[in-house]
Amino acid sequence: MKQLLILLLAATLLAACGRDGRKDVQILQTQTAAPTLHRMSDYHVTDTLRVGSRVYLATLHREAKDSLGIVEDENGERYVDNFYRLTILRDEATFFDRRFTKKDFASLLNADFRRNGILDGFRFRNSQDGKLFFSVCVSYPESDMTTPFVLAIGPDGSYTIEADNALDMGDMGEDEGV
């Protein structure tokens, strides 16, 4: 009986150690989760704008695109940059159609905003002297640190972009419309 018990114990030890006599070692690897990429949600709104007696139909579309670059804040959070496409119809024909990215404002941004900001605000502001004016901003993600701009579209469809040093951007959220 004693021999049977020893034989059983030896078989158990051999099975536990494997065929080559080495003990199987299970290595536990901890996986660090890849940092989350934060994206603003896609946004699409259409609105009617008046310039004098003319009626325009403006559509604004926002989308986050990895190809536009990723910015990282001081806490290591990563954010995908956005583009906005503004399409304006006048008399049922395309009057203005342009895709804007942060690069369109780069010459008016300081180095820190070029590197760490995202294009995150765009809305209709007013019309005056036959022009349509839009407020646009490049901001640090999820912060109130922003660089505001004025996009002016002339009656011929040409446009200019200028720094807006006087505008209080207020809430550039999605409820603002075009």
C-alpha atoms as a PDB file:
ATOM      1  CA  MET A   1       0.000   0.000   0.000  1.00  0.00           C
ATOM      2  CA  LYS A   2       2.851   2.273   0.845  1.00  0.00           C
ATOM      3  CA  GLN A   3       4.437   1.607  -2.547  1.00  0.00           C
ATOM      4  CA  LEU A   4       1.175   2.421  -4.313  1.00  0.00           C
ATOM      5  CA  LEU A   5       0.944   5.707  -2.455  1.00  0.00           C
ATOM      6  CA  ILE A   6       4.548   6.596  -3.373  1.00  0.00           C
ATOM      7  CA  LEU A   7       3.913   5.652  -7.012  1.00  0.00           C
ATOM      8  CA  LEU A   8       0.801   7.791  -7.096  1.00  0.00           C
ATOM      9  CA  LEU A   9       2.674  10.734  -5.583  1.00  0.00           C
ATOM     10  CA  ALA A  10       5.514  10.352  -8.120  1.00  0.00           C
ATOM     11  CA  ALA A  11       3.053  10.281 -11.035  1.00  0.00           C
ATOM     12  CA  THR A  12       1.389  13.417  -9.743  1.00  0.00           C
ATOM     13  CA  LEU A  13       4.729  15.194  -9.439  1.00  0.00           C
ATOM     14  CA  LEU A  14       5.758  14.170 -12.943  1.00  0.00           C
ATOM     15  CA  ALA A  15       2.479  15.376 -14.387  1.00  0.00           C
ATOM     16  CA  ALA A  16       2.835  18.675 -12.562  1.00  0.00           C
ATOM     17  CA  CYS A  17       6.394  19.210 -13.742  1.00  0.00           C
ATOM     18  CA  GLY A  18       5.800  18.279 -17.362  1.00  0.00           C
ATOM     19  CA  ARG A  19       7.704  15.799 -19.503  1.00  0.00           C
ATOM     20  CA  ASP A  20      11.054  17.530 -19.354  1.00  0.00           C
ATOM     21  CA  GLY A  21      11.035  17.778 -15.591  1.00  0.00           C
ATOM     22  CA  ARG A  22      10.612  21.578 -15.548  1.00  0.00           C
ATOM     23  CA  LYS A  23       7.790  23.157 -13.698  1.00  0.00           C
ATOM     24  CA  ASP A  24       5.324  25.012 -15.957  1.00  0.00           C
ATOM     25  CA  VAL A  25       5.363  28.652 -15.048  1.00  0.00           C
ATOM     26  CA  GLN A  26       2.402  30.730 -15.970  1.00  0.00           C
ATOM     27  CA  ILE A  27       3.390  34.308 -16.648  1.00  0.00           C
ATOM     28  CA  LEU A  28       0.666  36.821 -16.052  1.00  0.00           C
ATOM     29  CA  GLN A  29       0.893  39.790 -18.346  1.00  0.00           C
ATOM     30  CA  THR A  30      -0.840  42.956 -17.405  1.00  0.00           C
ATOM     31  CA  GLN A  31      -2.185  44.822 -20.344  1.00  0.00           C
ATOM     32  CA  THR A  32      -2.315  48.528 -20.126  1.00  0.00           C
ATOM     33  CA  ALA A  33      -5.368  49.855 -21.863  1.00  0.00           C
ATOM     34  CA  ALA A  34      -4.655  51.972 -24.896  1.00  0.00           C
ATOM     35  CA  PRO A  35      -5.385  55.616 -24.158  1.00  0.00           C
ATOM     36  CA  THR A  36      -8.896  56.582 -25.131  1.00  0.00           C
ATOM     37  CA  LEU A  37      -9.254  58.936 -28.050  1.00  0.00           C
ATOM     38  CA  HIS A  38     -11.921  61.504 -27.273  1.00  0.00           C
ATOM     39  CA  ARG A  39     -14.036  62.665 -30.183  1.00  0.00           C
ATOM     40  CA  MET A  40     -16.659  65.328 -30.448  1.00  0.00           C
ATOM     41  CA  SER A  41     -19.850  63.828 -31.808  1.00  0.00           C
ATOM     42  CA  ASP A  42     -20.754  64.375 -35.431  1.00  0.00           C
ATOM     43  CA  TYR A  43     -22.986  67.384 -35.852  1.00  0.00           C
ATOM     44  CA  HIS A  44     -25.227  68.405 -38.727  1.00  0.00           C
ATOM     45  CA  VAL A  45     -27.599  71.355 -38.784  1.00  0.00           C
ATOM     46  CA  THR A  46     -29.402  73.307 -41.482  1.00  0.00           C
ATOM     47  CA  ASP A  47     -30.792  76.802 -40.981  1.00  0.00           C
ATOM     48  CA  THR A  48     -32.295  79.651 -42.979  1.00  0.00           C
ATOM     49  CA  LEU A  49     -30.311  82.896 -43.012  1.00  0.00           C
ATOM     50  CA  ARG A  50     -31.456  86.305 -44.264  1.00  0.00           C
ATOM     51  CA  VAL A  51     -29.276  88.934 -45.862  1.00  0.00           C
ATOM     52  CA  GLY A  52     -31.471  91.889 -46.720  1.00  0.00           C
ATOM     53  CA  SER A  53     -34.265  90.456 -48.841  1.00  0.00           C
ATOM     54  CA  ARG A  54     -32.283  87.342 -49.861  1.00  0.00           C
ATOM     55  CA  VAL A  55     -32.776  83.999 -48.175  1.00  0.00           C
ATOM     56  CA  TYR A  56     -29.905  81.540 -47.825  1.00  0.00           C
ATOM     57  CA  LEU A  57     -30.018  77.914 -46.683  1.00  0.00           C
ATOM     58  CA  ALA A  58     -26.889  77.106 -44.689  1.00  0.00           C
ATOM     59  CA  THR A  59     -25.799  73.613 -43.668  1.00  0.00           C
ATOM     60  CA  LEU A  60     -23.008  73.047 -41.174  1.00  0.00           C
ATOM     61  CA  HIS A  61     -21.477  69.624 -40.627  1.00  0.00           C
ATOM     62  CA  ARG A  62     -18.817  68.732 -38.017  1.00  0.00           C
ATOM     63  CA  GLU A  63     -16.871  65.510 -37.941  1.00  0.00           C
ATOM     64  CA  ALA A  64     -13.829  64.301 -35.988  1.00  0.00           C
ATOM     65  CA  LYS A  65     -11.095  62.852 -38.215  1.00  0.00           C
ATOM     66  CA  ASP A  66      -7.971  61.009 -37.029  1.00  0.00           C
ATOM     67  CA  SER A  67      -6.123  62.201 -40.144  1.00  0.00           C
ATOM     68  CA  LEU A  68      -6.407  65.802 -38.909  1.00  0.00           C
ATOM     69  CA  GLY A  69      -4.242  65.023 -35.931  1.00  0.00           C
ATOM     70  CA  ILE A  70      -4.447  64.062 -32.291  1.00  0.00           C
ATOM     71  CA  VAL A  71      -3.770  66.534 -29.509  1.00  0.00           C
ATOM     72  CA  GLU A  72      -2.875  65.629 -25.947  1.00  0.00           C
ATOM     73  CA  ASP A  73      -3.692  67.748 -22.912  1.00  0.00           C
ATOM     74  CA  GLU A  74      -1.565  68.181 -19.789  1.00  0.00           C
ATOM     75  CA  ASN A  75      -3.264  65.131 -18.199  1.00  0.00           C
ATOM     76  CA  GLY A  76      -2.395  62.846 -21.103  1.00  0.00           C
ATOM     77  CA  GLU A  77      -5.959  62.786 -22.447  1.00  0.00           C
ATOM     78  CA  ARG A  78      -5.997  62.524 -26.242  1.00  0.00           C
ATOM     79  CA  TYR A  79      -8.454  64.301 -28.551  1.00  0.00           C
ATOM     80  CA  VAL A  80      -9.180  63.964 -32.254  1.00  0.00           C
ATOM     81  CA  ASP A  81      -9.363  67.219 -34.230  1.00  0.00           C
ATOM     82  CA  ASN A  82     -12.460  68.178 -36.248  1.00  0.00           C
ATOM     83  CA  PHE A  83     -13.402  69.643 -39.571  1.00  0.00           C
ATOM     84  CA  TYR A  84     -16.471  71.715 -40.364  1.00  0.00           C
ATOM     85  CA  ARG A  85     -18.071  71.798 -43.793  1.00  0.00           C
ATOM     86  CA  LEU A  86     -20.182  74.874 -44.508  1.00  0.00           C
ATOM     87  CA  THR A  87     -22.514  74.707 -47.492  1.00  0.00           C
ATOM     88  CA  ILE A  88     -24.734  77.665 -48.361  1.00  0.00           C
ATOM     89  CA  LEU A  89     -27.442  77.629 -51.012  1.00  0.00           C
ATOM     90  CA  ARG A  90     -28.823  80.802 -52.554  1.00  0.00           C
ATOM     91  CA  ASP A  91     -31.740  80.585 -54.986  1.00  0.00           C
ATOM     92  CA  GLU A  92     -31.456  76.766 -54.711  1.00  0.00           C
ATOM     93  CA  ALA A  93     -27.928  76.829 -56.160  1.00  0.00           C
ATOM     94  CA  THR A  94     -24.672  76.305 -54.284  1.00  0.00           C
ATOM     95  CA  PHE A  95     -23.346  79.709 -53.298  1.00  0.00           C
ATOM     96  CA  PHE A  96     -20.580  78.571 -50.908  1.00  0.00           C
ATOM     97  CA  ASP A  97     -19.166  75.134 -50.102  1.00  0.00           C
ATOM     98  CA  ARG A  98     -15.957  74.770 -48.120  1.00  0.00           C
ATOM     99  CA  ARG A  99     -14.383  72.402 -45.620  1.00  0.00           C
ATOM    100  CA  PHE A 100     -12.517  74.140 -42.785  1.00  0.00           C
ATOM    101  CA  THR A 101      -9.820  72.642 -40.565  1.00  0.00           C
ATOM    102  CA  LYS A 102      -7.516  74.106 -37.939  1.00  0.00           C
ATOM    103  CA  LYS A 103      -4.921  74.611 -40.689  1.00  0.00           C
ATOM    104  CA  ASP A 104      -7.140  77.294 -42.229  1.00  0.00           C
ATOM    105  CA  PHE A 105      -6.577  79.358 -39.067  1.00  0.00           C
ATOM    106  CA  ALA A 106      -2.952  78.351 -38.397  1.00  0.00           C
ATOM    107  CA  SER A 107      -1.407  81.648 -39.504  1.00  0.00           C
ATOM    108  CA  LEU A 108      -3.495  83.428 -36.848  1.00  0.00           C
ATOM    109  CA  LEU A 109      -2.783  80.920 -34.033  1.00  0.00           C
ATOM    110  CA  ASN A 110       0.132  80.931 -31.644  1.00  0.00           C
ATOM    111  CA  ALA A 111       2.361  77.824 -31.608  1.00  0.00           C
ATOM    112  CA  ASP A 112       0.669  76.372 -28.523  1.00  0.00           C
ATOM    113  CA  PHE A 113      -2.832  76.527 -30.045  1.00  0.00           C
ATOM    114  CA  ARG A 114      -1.519  75.107 -33.352  1.00  0.00           C
ATOM    115  CA  ARG A 115      -0.088  72.156 -31.419  1.00  0.00           C
ATOM    116  CA  ASN A 116      -2.690  71.647 -28.650  1.00  0.00           C
ATOM    117  CA  GLY A 117      -5.944  73.122 -29.931  1.00  0.00           C
ATOM    118  CA  ILE A 118      -8.801  71.628 -31.915  1.00  0.00           C
ATOM    119  CA  LEU A 119     -11.338  73.305 -34.181  1.00  0.00           C
ATOM    120  CA  ASP A 120     -14.408  73.048 -31.996  1.00  0.00           C
ATOM    121  CA  GLY A 121     -16.807  75.932 -32.545  1.00  0.00           C
ATOM    122  CA  PHE A 122     -18.587  77.299 -35.616  1.00  0.00           C
ATOM    123  CA  ARG A 123     -21.861  79.195 -35.766  1.00  0.00           C
ATOM    124  CA  PHE A 124     -23.695  81.888 -37.680  1.00  0.00           C
ATOM    125  CA  ARG A 125     -23.176  85.290 -36.114  1.00  0.00           C
ATOM    126  CA  ASN A 126     -25.028  87.897 -38.242  1.00  0.00           C
ATOM    127  CA  SER A 127     -25.309  89.503 -41.643  1.00  0.00           C
ATOM    128  CA  GLN A 128     -24.327  93.036 -42.522  1.00  0.00           C
ATOM    129  CA  ASP A 129     -23.731  94.960 -45.759  1.00  0.00           C
ATOM    130  CA  GLY A 130     -24.497  91.876 -47.861  1.00  0.00           C
ATOM    131  CA  LYS A 131     -22.020  89.672 -45.974  1.00  0.00           C
ATOM    132  CA  LEU A 132     -22.566  86.621 -43.779  1.00  0.00           C
ATOM    133  CA  PHE A 133     -20.482  86.476 -40.599  1.00  0.00           C
ATOM    134  CA  PHE A 134     -19.649  83.312 -38.668  1.00  0.00           C
ATOM    135  CA  SER A 135     -17.924  82.900 -35.318  1.00  0.00           C
ATOM    136  CA  VAL A 136     -15.317  80.155 -35.321  1.00  0.00           C
ATOM    137  CA  CYS A 137     -12.927  79.037 -32.590  1.00  0.00           C
ATOM    138  CA  VAL A 138      -9.933  76.839 -31.967  1.00  0.00           C
ATOM    139  CA  SER A 139      -9.801  75.747 -28.330  1.00  0.00           C
ATOM    140  CA  TYR A 140      -7.961  73.522 -25.948  1.00  0.00           C
ATOM    141  CA  PRO A 141     -10.193  70.442 -25.664  1.00  0.00           C
ATOM    142  CA  GLU A 142     -12.812  70.585 -22.916  1.00  0.00           C
ATOM    143  CA  SER A 143     -11.650  73.992 -21.723  1.00  0.00           C
ATOM    144  CA  ASP A 144     -12.688  77.615 -21.987  1.00  0.00           C
ATOM    145  CA  MET A 145      -9.266  78.579 -23.385  1.00  0.00           C
ATOM    146  CA  THR A 146     -10.068  79.588 -26.951  1.00  0.00           C
ATOM    147  CA  THR A 147      -8.855  81.621 -29.889  1.00  0.00           C
ATOM    148  CA  PRO A 148     -11.886  83.146 -31.678  1.00  0.00           C
ATOM    149  CA  PHE A 149     -12.161  84.121 -35.325  1.00  0.00           C
ATOM    150  CA  VAL A 150     -14.617  85.821 -37.658  1.00  0.00           C
ATOM    151  CA  LEU A 151     -15.296  84.209 -41.010  1.00  0.00           C
ATOM    152  CA  ALA A 152     -16.868  86.721 -43.417  1.00  0.00           C
ATOM    153  CA  ILE A 153     -18.450  85.525 -46.666  1.00  0.00           C
ATOM    154  CA  GLY A 154     -19.008  88.213 -49.287  1.00  0.00           C
ATOM    155  CA  PRO A 155     -21.906  88.492 -51.746  1.00  0.00           C
ATOM    156  CA  ASP A 156     -19.684  86.949 -54.450  1.00  0.00           C
ATOM    157  CA  GLY A 157     -18.862  83.861 -52.331  1.00  0.00           C
ATOM    158  CA  SER A 158     -15.348  85.001 -51.412  1.00  0.00           C
ATOM    159  CA  TYR A 159     -14.323  84.748 -47.767  1.00  0.00           C
ATOM    160  CA  THR A 160     -11.889  86.192 -45.255  1.00  0.00           C
ATOM    161  CA  ILE A 161     -10.769  84.974 -41.839  1.00  0.00           C
ATOM    162  CA  GLU A 162      -9.707  87.390 -39.127  1.00  0.00           C
ATOM    163  CA  ALA A 163      -8.886  87.113 -35.449  1.00  0.00           C
ATOM    164  CA  ASP A 164     -11.822  88.168 -33.303  1.00  0.00           C
ATOM    165  CA  ASN A 165     -10.352  90.094 -30.400  1.00  0.00           C
ATOM    166  CA  ALA A 166     -13.657  91.614 -29.279  1.00  0.00           C
ATOM    167  CA  LEU A 167     -16.095  88.705 -29.326  1.00  0.00           C
ATOM    168  CA  ASP A 168     -17.178  86.833 -26.234  1.00  0.00           C
ATOM    169  CA  MET A 169     -17.736  83.408 -27.814  1.00  0.00           C
ATOM    170  CA  GLY A 170     -20.135  82.327 -25.101  1.00  0.00           C
ATOM    171  CA  ASP A 171     -21.427  78.802 -25.467  1.00  0.00           C
ATOM    172  CA  MET A 172     -20.356  77.403 -28.830  1.00  0.00           C
ATOM    173  CA  GLY A 173     -22.358  74.258 -28.095  1.00  0.00           C
ATOM    174  CA  GLU A 174     -24.493  72.282 -30.464  1.00  0.00           C
ATOM    175  CA  ASP A 175     -27.704  74.064 -29.521  1.00  0.00           C
ATOM    176  CA  GLU A 176     -26.538  77.246 -31.222  1.00  0.00           C
ATOM    177  CA  GLY A 177     -27.548  76.285 -34.759  1.00  0.00           C
ATOM    178  CA  VAL A 178     -25.658  77.358 -37.883  1.00  0.00           C
END
